[in-house]
Amino acid sequence: QLQLVEYGGGLVQPGESLRLSCVASGITLNHFAIGWFRQAPGKERELVAAIAYNGYANYPDPLVKGRFTISRDNAKNMIWLQMNNLIFEDTGVYFCAATTSPWSWGQGTQVTVSS
């Protein structure tokens, strides 16, 4: 059974950066795509970045393109989300998820962008 734990969230001001980490245990992530999702207050959870098993990255949320970078290290069973130039709209709980069957989810880490 795959377990995911996120950390690295916090309270930052607009323009600052955060690096979220997601560590996996139980099984290796080599064969799974991983996504970072954001759930803003009062909104549904949405995909902000995804990375395939081979490192191909995709950023469905146009607001994060050029500011966020998703990466992974299969040997370390870890995934990261580098978030630069944060804006108010980035506020929310960030979850990592793996495309196991059913999907595996972490518990989330809070990111708050506030002046």
Protein backbone atom coordinates (compact mmCIF):
# COMPACT_ATOMS: atom_id res chain seq x y z
CA GLN A 1 0.00 0.00 0.00
CA LEU A 2 1.37 3.37 -1.01
CA GLN A 3 1.49 6.15 1.55
CA LEU A 4 2.19 9.77 0.65
CA VAL A 5 3.17 12.53 3.04
CA GLU A 6 3.45 16.17 2.00
CA TYR A 7 5.37 18.88 3.79
CA GLY A 8 6.85 22.30 3.16
CA GLY A 9 3.77 24.49 3.20
CA GLY A 10 3.55 27.71 5.14
CA LEU A 11 2.58 31.37 5.25
CA VAL A 12 4.38 33.56 2.76
CA GLN A 13 4.02 36.97 1.21
CA PRO A 14 3.28 37.55 -2.48
CA GLY A 15 6.39 37.14 -4.58
CA GLU A 16 8.05 34.67 -2.24
CA SER A 17 8.80 31.02 -2.89
CA LEU A 18 8.03 27.66 -1.32
CA ARG A 19 9.15 24.16 -2.09
CA LEU A 20 6.69 21.41 -1.33
CA SER A 21 7.89 17.88 -0.85
CA CYS A 22 6.02 14.60 -1.07
CA VAL A 23 7.63 11.44 0.24
CA ALA A 24 6.27 8.03 -0.67
CA SER A 25 6.53 4.77 1.20
CA GLY A 26 5.14 1.31 0.81
CA ILE A 27 5.81 0.83 -2.88
CA THR A 28 8.08 2.50 -5.38
CA LEU A 29 6.77 5.31 -7.55
CA ASN A 30 8.66 4.29 -10.69
CA HIS A 31 5.59 3.29 -12.68
CA PHE A 32 3.15 5.94 -11.58
CA ALA A 33 2.38 9.45 -12.64
CA ILE A 34 2.20 11.95 -9.80
CA GLY A 35 0.12 15.06 -9.50
CA TRP A 36 0.06 18.06 -7.23
CA PHE A 37 -3.46 19.30 -6.55
CA ARG A 38 -4.64 22.47 -4.87
CA GLN A 39 -7.88 22.90 -2.98
CA ALA A 40 -8.60 26.55 -2.39
CA PRO A 41 -11.13 27.62 0.27
CA GLY A 42 -14.64 26.91 -0.96
CA LYS A 43 -13.44 25.38 -4.21
CA GLU A 44 -12.97 21.93 -5.63
CA ARG A 45 -9.61 20.24 -5.73
CA GLU A 46 -7.80 20.98 -8.99
CA LEU A 47 -4.69 19.69 -10.67
CA VAL A 48 -1.88 22.23 -10.88
CA ALA A 49 1.04 20.08 -12.02
CA ALA A 50 1.68 16.50 -13.04
CA ILE A 51 4.72 14.45 -13.86
CA ALA A 52 4.90 11.16 -15.70
CA TYR A 53 7.05 8.23 -14.61
CA ASN A 54 9.71 9.34 -17.12
CA GLY A 55 9.82 12.93 -15.88
CA TYR A 56 7.59 14.55 -18.49
CA ALA A 57 5.86 17.45 -16.76
CA ASN A 58 2.55 19.12 -17.48
CA TYR A 59 0.93 22.20 -15.96
CA PRO A 60 -2.82 22.26 -16.64
CA ASP A 61 -3.36 25.39 -14.58
CA PRO A 62 -2.31 28.36 -16.74
CA LEU A 63 -1.76 30.50 -13.64
CA VAL A 64 1.20 28.37 -12.55
CA LYS A 65 3.04 28.03 -15.86
CA GLY A 66 6.45 29.63 -15.60
CA ARG A 67 6.21 29.84 -11.81
CA PHE A 68 5.85 26.23 -10.64
CA THR A 69 8.14 23.32 -11.38
CA ILE A 70 7.32 19.72 -10.58
CA SER A 71 10.12 17.18 -10.28
CA ARG A 72 10.69 13.70 -9.01
CA ASP A 73 13.44 11.34 -7.92
CA ASN A 74 12.27 7.76 -8.33
CA ALA A 75 15.29 6.40 -6.49
CA LYS A 76 14.39 8.49 -3.44
CA ASN A 77 10.64 7.99 -3.87
CA MET A 78 10.14 11.74 -3.68
CA ILE A 79 8.32 14.43 -5.61
CA TRP A 80 8.69 18.17 -5.28
CA LEU A 81 6.79 21.24 -6.31
CA GLN A 82 8.90 24.38 -6.52
CA MET A 83 6.62 27.41 -6.34
CA ASN A 84 8.08 30.80 -7.20
CA ASN A 85 6.60 34.27 -7.31
CA LEU A 86 3.61 33.16 -5.29
CA ILE A 87 0.33 35.04 -5.67
CA PHE A 88 -2.81 35.20 -3.53
CA GLU A 89 -4.56 32.71 -5.82
CA ASP A 90 -2.02 30.04 -4.93
CA THR A 91 -3.49 29.79 -1.44
CA GLY A 92 -4.92 26.41 -0.58
CA VAL A 93 -4.19 22.95 0.65
CA TYR A 94 -1.79 21.13 -1.64
CA PHE A 95 -2.03 17.38 -2.07
CA CYS A 96 0.17 14.98 -3.93
CA ALA A 97 -1.43 11.97 -5.52
CA ALA A 98 -0.22 8.91 -7.37
CA THR A 99 -2.05 7.07 -10.13
CA THR A 100 -2.29 3.79 -8.30
CA SER A 101 -5.62 1.95 -8.45
CA PRO A 102 -7.39 3.51 -6.67
CA TRP A 103 -5.42 6.73 -6.52
CA SER A 104 -3.28 7.33 -3.46
CA TRP A 105 -3.46 10.71 -1.71
CA GLY A 106 -1.47 12.46 0.95
CA GLN A 107 -3.03 14.40 3.79
CA GLY A 108 -2.15 17.79 2.31
CA THR A 109 -0.05 20.76 3.33
CA GLN A 110 -1.40 24.29 3.74
CA VAL A 111 -0.02 27.13 1.63
CA THR A 112 -1.17 30.63 2.48
CA VAL A 113 -0.12 33.65 0.48
CA SER A 114 -0.95 36.82 2.34
CA SER A 115 0.45 40.29 2.80
